């Protein structure tokens, strides 16, 4: 079964979350924490599936590969977002007041 990344890693509805922020009072730190936990869970699931495959408990190598790729993609996206945030912070710090 192939699932879209959006179902496991909620990226697309960020605009809706920000729009609902005034109604639901979701803080940025909570949003960040939730998404980092999702990335961590994908990493843990991938590690567990890899271990189970090595032990011979899982026969389908495709599921293991898909889990590893989802974890890798989520981590790469997280690092890219971190880099963009750091670039924005550095740009703000260079501004003259």
PDB file of N, CA and C in Angstrom:
ATOM      1  N   UNK A   1       0.844  -1.169   0.000  1.00  0.00           N
ATOM      2  CA  UNK A   1       0.000   0.000   0.000  1.00  0.00           C
ATOM      3  C   UNK A   1       0.897   1.243   0.000  1.00  0.00           C
ATOM      4  N   UNK A   2       0.693   2.115  -0.949  1.00  0.00           N
ATOM      5  CA  UNK A   2       1.466   3.345  -1.035  1.00  0.00           C
ATOM      6  C   UNK A   2       0.588   4.486  -0.548  1.00  0.00           C
ATOM      7  N   UNK A   3       1.098   5.212   0.434  1.00  0.00           N
ATOM      8  CA  UNK A   3       0.376   6.354   0.985  1.00  0.00           C
ATOM      9  C   UNK A   3       1.102   7.625   0.574  1.00  0.00           C
ATOM     10  N   UNK A   4       0.373   8.693   0.483  1.00  0.00           N
ATOM     11  CA  UNK A   4       1.019   9.959   0.164  1.00  0.00           C
ATOM     12  C   UNK A   4       1.761  10.465   1.396  1.00  0.00           C
ATOM     13  N   UNK A   5       2.761  11.281   1.159  1.00  0.00           N
ATOM     14  CA  UNK A   5       3.536  11.835   2.263  1.00  0.00           C
ATOM     15  C   UNK A   5       2.656  12.726   3.125  1.00  0.00           C
ATOM     16  N   UNK A   6       1.719  13.429   2.522  1.00  0.00           N
ATOM     17  CA  UNK A   6       0.856  14.331   3.281  1.00  0.00           C
ATOM     18  C   UNK A   6       0.055  13.616   4.347  1.00  0.00           C
ATOM     19  N   UNK A   7      -0.256  12.335   4.142  1.00  0.00           N
ATOM     20  CA  UNK A   7      -1.041  11.634   5.150  1.00  0.00           C
ATOM     21  C   UNK A   7      -0.219  11.333   6.390  1.00  0.00           C
ATOM     22  N   UNK A   8       1.088  11.147   6.233  1.00  0.00           N
ATOM     23  CA  UNK A   8       1.941  10.848   7.379  1.00  0.00           C
ATOM     24  C   UNK A   8       2.702  12.060   7.883  1.00  0.00           C
ATOM     25  N   UNK A   9       3.006  12.941   7.016  1.00  0.00           N
ATOM     26  CA  UNK A   9       3.795  14.103   7.382  1.00  0.00           C
ATOM     27  C   UNK A   9       3.032  15.323   6.906  1.00  0.00           C
ATOM     28  N   UNK A  10       2.321  15.957   7.792  1.00  0.00           N
ATOM     29  CA  UNK A  10       1.346  16.978   7.470  1.00  0.00           C
ATOM     30  C   UNK A  10       2.038  18.284   7.069  1.00  0.00           C
ATOM     31  N   UNK A  11       2.299  18.442   5.775  1.00  0.00           N
ATOM     32  CA  UNK A  11       3.001  19.617   5.273  1.00  0.00           C
ATOM     33  C   UNK A  11       2.031  20.601   4.627  1.00  0.00           C
ATOM     34  N   UNK A  12       1.155  20.102   3.779  1.00  0.00           N
ATOM     35  CA  UNK A  12       0.306  20.954   2.950  1.00  0.00           C
ATOM     36  C   UNK A  12      -0.593  21.905   3.727  1.00  0.00           C
ATOM     37  N   UNK A  13      -1.236  21.483   4.815  1.00  0.00           N
ATOM     38  CA  UNK A  13      -2.199  22.385   5.439  1.00  0.00           C
ATOM     39  C   UNK A  13      -1.595  23.446   6.362  1.00  0.00           C
ATOM     40  N   UNK A  14      -0.323  23.809   6.149  1.00  0.00           N
ATOM     41  CA  UNK A  14       0.290  24.828   6.992  1.00  0.00           C
ATOM     42  C   UNK A  14      -0.466  26.147   6.901  1.00  0.00           C
ATOM     43  N   UNK A  15      -0.913  26.524   5.699  1.00  0.00           N
ATOM     44  CA  UNK A  15      -1.671  27.763   5.539  1.00  0.00           C
ATOM     45  C   UNK A  15      -2.967  27.713   6.341  1.00  0.00           C
ATOM     46  N   UNK A  16      -3.632  26.553   6.323  1.00  0.00           N
ATOM     47  CA  UNK A  16      -4.864  26.410   7.084  1.00  0.00           C
ATOM     48  C   UNK A  16      -4.589  26.503   8.578  1.00  0.00           C
ATOM     49  N   UNK A  17      -3.457  25.940   9.005  1.00  0.00           N
ATOM     50  CA  UNK A  17      -3.101  25.990  10.422  1.00  0.00           C
ATOM     51  C   UNK A  17      -2.846  27.423  10.845  1.00  0.00           C
ATOM     52  N   UNK A  18      -2.119  28.163  10.008  1.00  0.00           N
ATOM     53  CA  UNK A  18      -1.836  29.558  10.324  1.00  0.00           C
ATOM     54  C   UNK A  18      -3.127  30.367  10.306  1.00  0.00           C
ATOM     55  N   UNK A  19      -4.009  30.090   9.346  1.00  0.00           N
ATOM     56  CA  UNK A  19      -5.280  30.807   9.274  1.00  0.00           C
ATOM     57  C   UNK A  19      -6.143  30.502  10.494  1.00  0.00           C
ATOM     58  N   UNK A  20      -6.104  29.262  10.968  1.00  0.00           N
ATOM     59  CA  UNK A  20      -6.876  28.884  12.142  1.00  0.00           C
ATOM     60  C   UNK A  20      -6.181  29.271  13.437  1.00  0.00           C
ATOM     61  N   UNK A  21      -4.984  29.794  13.336  1.00  0.00           N
ATOM     62  CA  UNK A  21      -4.213  30.131  14.522  1.00  0.00           C
ATOM     63  C   UNK A  21      -4.952  31.127  15.406  1.00  0.00           C
ATOM     64  N   UNK A  22      -5.649  32.065  14.802  1.00  0.00           N
ATOM     65  CA  UNK A  22      -6.375  33.048  15.604  1.00  0.00           C
ATOM     66  C   UNK A  22      -7.554  32.401  16.319  1.00  0.00           C
ATOM     67  N   UNK A  23      -8.114  31.330  15.749  1.00  0.00           N
ATOM     68  CA  UNK A  23      -9.248  30.655  16.370  1.00  0.00           C
ATOM     69  C   UNK A  23      -8.812  29.597  17.378  1.00  0.00           C
ATOM     70  N   UNK A  24      -7.833  28.777  17.002  1.00  0.00           N
ATOM     71  CA  UNK A  24      -7.431  27.661  17.849  1.00  0.00           C
ATOM     72  C   UNK A  24      -6.230  27.965  18.728  1.00  0.00           C
ATOM     73  N   UNK A  25      -5.551  29.054  18.502  1.00  0.00           N
ATOM     74  CA  UNK A  25      -4.393  29.469  19.286  1.00  0.00           C
ATOM     75  C   UNK A  25      -3.301  28.411  19.303  1.00  0.00           C
ATOM     76  N   UNK A  26      -2.949  27.886  18.124  1.00  0.00           N
ATOM     77  CA  UNK A  26      -1.852  26.942  17.995  1.00  0.00           C
ATOM     78  C   UNK A  26      -0.562  27.749  17.905  1.00  0.00           C
ATOM     79  N   UNK A  27       0.359  27.491  18.807  1.00  0.00           N
ATOM     80  CA  UNK A  27       1.602  28.246  18.806  1.00  0.00           C
ATOM     81  C   UNK A  27       2.582  27.649  17.806  1.00  0.00           C
ATOM     82  N   UNK A  28       3.511  28.470  17.367  1.00  0.00           N
ATOM     83  CA  UNK A  28       4.526  28.017  16.426  1.00  0.00           C
ATOM     84  C   UNK A  28       5.380  26.929  17.056  1.00  0.00           C
ATOM     85  N   UNK A  29       5.712  27.082  18.317  1.00  0.00           N
ATOM     86  CA  UNK A  29       6.541  26.075  18.979  1.00  0.00           C
ATOM     87  C   UNK A  29       5.829  24.729  19.056  1.00  0.00           C
ATOM     88  N   UNK A  30       4.508  24.737  19.265  1.00  0.00           N
ATOM     89  CA  UNK A  30       3.740  23.498  19.295  1.00  0.00           C
ATOM     90  C   UNK A  30       3.708  22.859  17.909  1.00  0.00           C
ATOM     91  N   UNK A  31       3.504  23.653  16.877  1.00  0.00           N
ATOM     92  CA  UNK A  31       3.510  23.161  15.507  1.00  0.00           C
ATOM     93  C   UNK A  31       4.869  22.553  15.174  1.00  0.00           C
ATOM     94  N   UNK A  32       5.935  23.234  15.557  1.00  0.00           N
ATOM     95  CA  UNK A  32       7.283  22.740  15.310  1.00  0.00           C
ATOM     96  C   UNK A  32       7.539  21.443  16.067  1.00  0.00           C
ATOM     97  N   UNK A  33       7.146  21.419  17.326  1.00  0.00           N
ATOM     98  CA  UNK A  33       7.331  20.222  18.147  1.00  0.00           C
ATOM     99  C   UNK A  33       6.566  19.025  17.577  1.00  0.00           C
ATOM    100  N   UNK A  34       5.334  19.239  17.170  1.00  0.00           N
ATOM    101  CA  UNK A  34       4.523  18.149  16.607  1.00  0.00           C
ATOM    102  C   UNK A  34       5.155  17.579  15.336  1.00  0.00           C
ATOM    103  N   UNK A  35       5.619  18.464  14.466  1.00  0.00           N
ATOM    104  CA  UNK A  35       6.213  17.994  13.220  1.00  0.00           C
ATOM    105  C   UNK A  35       7.564  17.320  13.443  1.00  0.00           C
ATOM    106  N   UNK A  36       8.345  17.796  14.410  1.00  0.00           N
ATOM    107  CA  UNK A  36       9.601  17.115  14.735  1.00  0.00           C
ATOM    108  C   UNK A  36       9.336  15.738  15.332  1.00  0.00           C
ATOM    109  N   UNK A  37       8.277  15.623  16.115  1.00  0.00           N
ATOM    110  CA  UNK A  37       7.901  14.307  16.648  1.00  0.00           C
ATOM    111  C   UNK A  37       7.493  13.352  15.528  1.00  0.00           C
ATOM    112  N   UNK A  38       6.810  13.876  14.507  1.00  0.00           N
ATOM    113  CA  UNK A  38       6.432  13.041  13.362  1.00  0.00           C
ATOM    114  C   UNK A  38       7.665  12.548  12.611  1.00  0.00           C
ATOM    115  N   UNK A  39       8.644  13.426  12.429  1.00  0.00           N
ATOM    116  CA  UNK A  39       9.892  13.024  11.776  1.00  0.00           C
ATOM    117  C   UNK A  39      10.594  11.961  12.603  1.00  0.00           C
ATOM    118  N   UNK A  40      10.640  12.159  13.902  1.00  0.00           N
ATOM    119  CA  UNK A  40      11.267  11.183  14.791  1.00  0.00           C
ATOM    120  C   UNK A  40      10.552   9.837  14.719  1.00  0.00           C
ATOM    121  N   UNK A  41       9.225   9.860  14.706  1.00  0.00           N
ATOM    122  CA  UNK A  41       8.466   8.606  14.618  1.00  0.00           C
ATOM    123  C   UNK A  41       8.740   7.872  13.309  1.00  0.00           C
ATOM    124  N   UNK A  42       8.881   8.610  12.216  1.00  0.00           N
ATOM    125  CA  UNK A  42       9.217   7.987  10.938  1.00  0.00           C
ATOM    126  C   UNK A  42      10.602   7.345  11.000  1.00  0.00           C
ATOM    127  N   UNK A  43      11.545   8.013  11.667  1.00  0.00           N
ATOM    128  CA  UNK A  43      12.889   7.456  11.817  1.00  0.00           C
ATOM    129  C   UNK A  43      12.858   6.187  12.664  1.00  0.00           C
ATOM    130  N   UNK A  44      12.114   6.223  13.759  1.00  0.00           N
ATOM    131  CA  UNK A  44      12.017   5.053  14.630  1.00  0.00           C
ATOM    132  C   UNK A  44      11.348   3.877  13.920  1.00  0.00           C
ATOM    133  N   UNK A  45      10.292   4.164  13.154  1.00  0.00           N
ATOM    134  CA  UNK A  45       9.600   3.114  12.401  1.00  0.00           C
ATOM    135  C   UNK A  45      10.534   2.495  11.370  1.00  0.00           C
ATOM    136  N   UNK A  46      11.299   3.324  10.691  1.00  0.00           N
ATOM    137  CA  UNK A  46      12.242   2.828   9.694  1.00  0.00           C
ATOM    138  C   UNK A  46      13.300   1.941  10.343  1.00  0.00           C
ATOM    139  N   UNK A  47      13.828   2.381  11.472  1.00  0.00           N
ATOM    140  CA  UNK A  47      14.832   1.580  12.179  1.00  0.00           C
ATOM    141  C   UNK A  47      14.258   0.250  12.640  1.00  0.00           C
ATOM    142  N   UNK A  48      13.048   0.265  13.158  1.00  0.00           N
ATOM    143  CA  UNK A  48      12.399  -0.955  13.630  1.00  0.00           C
ATOM    144  C   UNK A  48      12.157  -1.928  12.483  1.00  0.00           C
ATOM    145  N   UNK A  49      11.676  -1.398  11.343  1.00  0.00           N
ATOM    146  CA  UNK A  49      11.419  -2.263  10.193  1.00  0.00           C
ATOM    147  C   UNK A  49      12.725  -2.840   9.642  1.00  0.00           C
ATOM    148  N   UNK A  50      13.785  -2.050   9.632  1.00  0.00           N
ATOM    149  CA  UNK A  50      15.084  -2.531   9.165  1.00  0.00           C
ATOM    150  C   UNK A  50      15.591  -3.651  10.071  1.00  0.00           C
ATOM    151  N   UNK A  51      15.433  -3.455  11.366  1.00  0.00           N
ATOM    152  CA  UNK A  51      15.853  -4.478  12.323  1.00  0.00           C
ATOM    153  C   UNK A  51      15.039  -5.763  12.145  1.00  0.00           C
ATOM    154  N   UNK A  52      13.724  -5.622  11.983  1.00  0.00           N
ATOM    155  CA  UNK A  52      12.865  -6.789  11.792  1.00  0.00           C
ATOM    156  C   UNK A  52      13.193  -7.509  10.478  1.00  0.00           C
ATOM    157  N   UNK A  53      13.553  -6.743   9.443  1.00  0.00           N
ATOM    158  CA  UNK A  53      13.943  -7.350   8.173  1.00  0.00           C
ATOM    159  C   UNK A  53      15.242  -8.130   8.330  1.00  0.00           C
ATOM    160  N   UNK A  54      16.198  -7.553   9.068  1.00  0.00           N
ATOM    161  CA  UNK A  54      17.473  -8.229   9.287  1.00  0.00           C
ATOM    162  C   UNK A  54      17.292  -9.520  10.091  1.00  0.00           C
ATOM    163  N   UNK A  55      16.309  -9.530  10.989  1.00  0.00           N
ATOM    164  CA  UNK A  55      16.032 -10.726  11.782  1.00  0.00           C
ATOM    165  C   UNK A  55      15.215 -11.760  11.014  1.00  0.00           C
ATOM    166  N   UNK A  56      14.692 -11.378   9.858  1.00  0.00           N
ATOM    167  CA  UNK A  56      13.909 -12.297   9.043  1.00  0.00           C
ATOM    168  C   UNK A  56      12.430 -12.301   9.369  1.00  0.00           C
ATOM    169  N   UNK A  57      11.986 -11.360  10.181  1.00  0.00           N
ATOM    170  CA  UNK A  57      10.574 -11.288  10.548  1.00  0.00           C
ATOM    171  C   UNK A  57       9.714 -10.615   9.482  1.00  0.00           C
ATOM    172  N   UNK A  58      10.328  -9.845   8.606  1.00  0.00           N
ATOM    173  CA  UNK A  58       9.621  -9.162   7.523  1.00  0.00           C
ATOM    174  C   UNK A  58      10.186  -9.694   6.207  1.00  0.00           C
ATOM    175  N   UNK A  59       9.306 -10.145   5.318  1.00  0.00           N
ATOM    176  CA  UNK A  59       9.745 -10.685   4.035  1.00  0.00           C
ATOM    177  C   UNK A  59       9.712  -9.651   2.918  1.00  0.00           C
ATOM    178  N   UNK A  60       8.890  -8.633   3.062  1.00  0.00           N
ATOM    179  CA  UNK A  60       8.687  -7.664   1.992  1.00  0.00           C
ATOM    180  C   UNK A  60       9.711  -6.534   2.098  1.00  0.00           C
ATOM    181  N   UNK A  61      10.725  -6.594   1.259  1.00  0.00           N
ATOM    182  CA  UNK A  61      11.778  -5.581   1.278  1.00  0.00           C
ATOM    183  C   UNK A  61      11.251  -4.223   0.804  1.00  0.00           C
ATOM    184  N   UNK A  62      10.166  -4.233   0.024  1.00  0.00           N
ATOM    185  CA  UNK A  62       9.612  -2.978  -0.487  1.00  0.00           C
ATOM    186  C   UNK A  62       9.087  -2.105   0.646  1.00  0.00           C
ATOM    187  N   UNK A  63       8.411  -2.710   1.622  1.00  0.00           N
ATOM    188  CA  UNK A  63       7.900  -1.935   2.757  1.00  0.00           C
ATOM    189  C   UNK A  63       9.035  -1.318   3.563  1.00  0.00           C
ATOM    190  N   UNK A  64      10.108  -2.067   3.727  1.00  0.00           N
ATOM    191  CA  UNK A  64      11.272  -1.566   4.464  1.00  0.00           C
ATOM    192  C   UNK A  64      11.907  -0.398   3.716  1.00  0.00           C
ATOM    193  N   UNK A  65      12.039  -0.551   2.411  1.00  0.00           N
ATOM    194  CA  UNK A  65      12.633   0.506   1.594  1.00  0.00           C
ATOM    195  C   UNK A  65      11.764   1.756   1.586  1.00  0.00           C
ATOM    196  N   UNK A  66      10.464   1.586   1.494  1.00  0.00           N
ATOM    197  CA  UNK A  66       9.546   2.731   1.500  1.00  0.00           C
ATOM    198  C   UNK A  66       9.608   3.460   2.839  1.00  0.00           C
ATOM    199  N   UNK A  67       9.646   2.712   3.939  1.00  0.00           N
ATOM    200  CA  UNK A  67       9.747   3.340   5.267  1.00  0.00           C
ATOM    201  C   UNK A  67      11.054   4.115   5.399  1.00  0.00           C
ATOM    202  N   UNK A  68      12.142   3.542   4.900  1.00  0.00           N
ATOM    203  CA  UNK A  68      13.436   4.225   4.959  1.00  0.00           C
ATOM    204  C   UNK A  68      13.425   5.492   4.109  1.00  0.00           C
ATOM    205  N   UNK A  69      12.802   5.426   2.943  1.00  0.00           N
ATOM    206  CA  UNK A  69      12.750   6.599   2.071  1.00  0.00           C
ATOM    207  C   UNK A  69      11.869   7.698   2.660  1.00  0.00           C
ATOM    208  N   UNK A  70      10.757   7.333   3.278  1.00  0.00           N
ATOM    209  CA  UNK A  70       9.898   8.329   3.942  1.00  0.00           C
ATOM    210  C   UNK A  70      10.667   9.028   5.053  1.00  0.00           C
ATOM    211  N   UNK A  71      11.397   8.250   5.851  1.00  0.00           N
ATOM    212  CA  UNK A  71      12.179   8.832   6.947  1.00  0.00           C
ATOM    213  C   UNK A  71      13.265   9.749   6.409  1.00  0.00           C
ATOM    214  N   UNK A  72      13.922   9.327   5.341  1.00  0.00           N
ATOM    215  CA  UNK A  72      14.978  10.133   4.738  1.00  0.00           C
ATOM    216  C   UNK A  72      14.431  11.440   4.163  1.00  0.00           C
ATOM    217  N   UNK A  73      13.305  11.352   3.471  1.00  0.00           N
ATOM    218  CA  UNK A  73      12.689  12.544   2.887  1.00  0.00           C
ATOM    219  C   UNK A  73      12.242  13.523   3.972  1.00  0.00           C
ATOM    220  N   UNK A  74      11.648  13.003   5.028  1.00  0.00           N
ATOM    221  CA  UNK A  74      11.205  13.868   6.133  1.00  0.00           C
ATOM    222  C   UNK A  74      12.389  14.545   6.802  1.00  0.00           C
ATOM    223  N   UNK A  75      13.478  13.802   7.000  1.00  0.00           N
ATOM    224  CA  UNK A  75      14.662  14.391   7.618  1.00  0.00           C
ATOM    225  C   UNK A  75      15.287  15.444   6.707  1.00  0.00           C
ATOM    226  N   UNK A  76      15.358  15.159   5.415  1.00  0.00           N
ATOM    227  CA  UNK A  76      15.903  16.145   4.473  1.00  0.00           C
ATOM    228  C   UNK A  76      15.055  17.414   4.441  1.00  0.00           C
ATOM    229  N   UNK A  77      13.746  17.270   4.489  1.00  0.00           N
ATOM    230  CA  UNK A  77      12.865  18.435   4.526  1.00  0.00           C
ATOM    231  C   UNK A  77      13.080  19.234   5.814  1.00  0.00           C
ATOM    232  N   UNK A  78      13.231  18.547   6.922  1.00  0.00           N
ATOM    233  CA  UNK A  78      13.463  19.213   8.207  1.00  0.00           C
ATOM    234  C   UNK A  78      14.765  20.007   8.179  1.00  0.00           C
ATOM    235  N   UNK A  79      15.809  19.420   7.633  1.00  0.00           N
ATOM    236  CA  UNK A  79      17.099  20.112   7.540  1.00  0.00           C
ATOM    237  C   UNK A  79      16.990  21.319   6.609  1.00  0.00           C
ATOM    238  N   UNK A  80      16.268  21.172   5.515  1.00  0.00           N
ATOM    239  CA  UNK A  80      16.087  22.298   4.589  1.00  0.00           C
ATOM    240  C   UNK A  80      15.332  23.449   5.255  1.00  0.00           C
ATOM    241  N   UNK A  81      14.297  23.120   6.017  1.00  0.00           N
ATOM    242  CA  UNK A  81      13.541  24.154   6.732  1.00  0.00           C
ATOM    243  C   UNK A  81      14.434  24.827   7.769  1.00  0.00           C
ATOM    244  N   UNK A  82      15.224  24.037   8.483  1.00  0.00           N
ATOM    245  CA  UNK A  82      16.144  24.603   9.477  1.00  0.00           C
ATOM    246  C   UNK A  82      17.120  25.570   8.809  1.00  0.00           C
ATOM    247  N   UNK A  83      17.658  25.187   7.671  1.00  0.00           N
ATOM    248  CA  UNK A  83      18.598  26.059   6.961  1.00  0.00           C
ATOM    249  C   UNK A  83      17.934  27.358   6.521  1.00  0.00           C
ATOM    250  N   UNK A  84      16.691  27.273   6.047  1.00  0.00           N
ATOM    251  CA  UNK A  84      15.978  28.487   5.632  1.00  0.00           C
ATOM    252  C   UNK A  84      15.703  29.401   6.826  1.00  0.00           C
ATOM    253  N   UNK A  85      15.353  28.811   7.950  1.00  0.00           N
ATOM    254  CA  UNK A  85      15.107  29.603   9.163  1.00  0.00           C
ATOM    255  C   UNK A  85      16.396  30.285   9.602  1.00  0.00           C
ATOM    256  N   UNK A  86      17.500  29.566   9.570  1.00  0.00           N
ATOM    257  CA  UNK A  86      18.780  30.162   9.957  1.00  0.00           C
ATOM    258  C   UNK A  86      19.192  31.267   8.989  1.00  0.00           C
ATOM    259  N   UNK A  87      18.958  31.069   7.697  1.00  0.00           N
ATOM    260  CA  UNK A  87      19.256  32.116   6.718  1.00  0.00           C
ATOM    261  C   UNK A  87      18.420  33.364   6.988  1.00  0.00           C
ATOM    262  N   UNK A  88      17.138  33.183   7.292  1.00  0.00           N
ATOM    263  CA  UNK A  88      16.264  34.324   7.594  1.00  0.00           C
ATOM    264  C   UNK A  88      16.724  35.032   8.858  1.00  0.00           C
ATOM    265  N   UNK A  89      17.095  34.262   9.873  1.00  0.00           N
ATOM    266  CA  UNK A  89      17.587  34.850  11.124  1.00  0.00           C
ATOM    267  C   UNK A  89      18.850  35.663  10.866  1.00  0.00           C
ATOM    268  N   UNK A  90      19.789  35.101  10.119  1.00  0.00           N
ATOM    269  CA  UNK A  90      21.033  35.815   9.819  1.00  0.00           C
ATOM    270  C   UNK A  90      20.768  37.074   9.019  1.00  0.00           C
ATOM    271  N   UNK A  91      19.815  37.024   8.102  1.00  0.00           N
ATOM    272  CA  UNK A  91      19.463  38.206   7.316  1.00  0.00           C
ATOM    273  C   UNK A  91      18.879  39.295   8.209  1.00  0.00           C
ATOM    274  N   UNK A  92      18.040  38.928   9.138  1.00  0.00           N
ATOM    275  CA  UNK A  92      17.458  39.895  10.075  1.00  0.00           C
ATOM    276  C   UNK A  92      18.553  40.510  10.949  1.00  0.00           C
ATOM    277  N   UNK A  93      19.491  39.682  11.376  1.00  0.00           N
ATOM    278  CA  UNK A  93      20.574  40.181  12.229  1.00  0.00           C
ATOM    279  C   UNK A  93      21.486  41.151  11.479  1.00  0.00           C
ATOM    280  N   UNK A  94      21.583  41.042  10.163  1.00  0.00           N
ATOM    281  CA  UNK A  94      22.412  41.943   9.366  1.00  0.00           C
ATOM    282  C   UNK A  94      21.731  43.271   9.088  1.00  0.00           C
ATOM    283  N   UNK A  95      20.431  43.368   9.323  1.00  0.00           N
ATOM    284  CA  UNK A  95      19.713  44.610   9.055  1.00  0.00           C
ATOM    285  C   UNK A  95      20.169  45.707  10.004  1.00  0.00           C
ATOM    286  N   UNK A  96      20.295  46.884   9.464  1.00  0.00           N
ATOM    287  CA  UNK A  96      20.645  48.027  10.300  1.00  0.00           C
ATOM    288  C   UNK A  96      19.379  48.696  10.797  1.00  0.00           C
ATOM    289  N   UNK A  97      19.397  49.037  12.061  1.00  0.00           N
ATOM    290  CA  UNK A  97      18.219  49.636  12.665  1.00  0.00           C
ATOM    291  C   UNK A  97      18.326  51.140  12.684  1.00  0.00           C
TER     292      UNK A  97
END
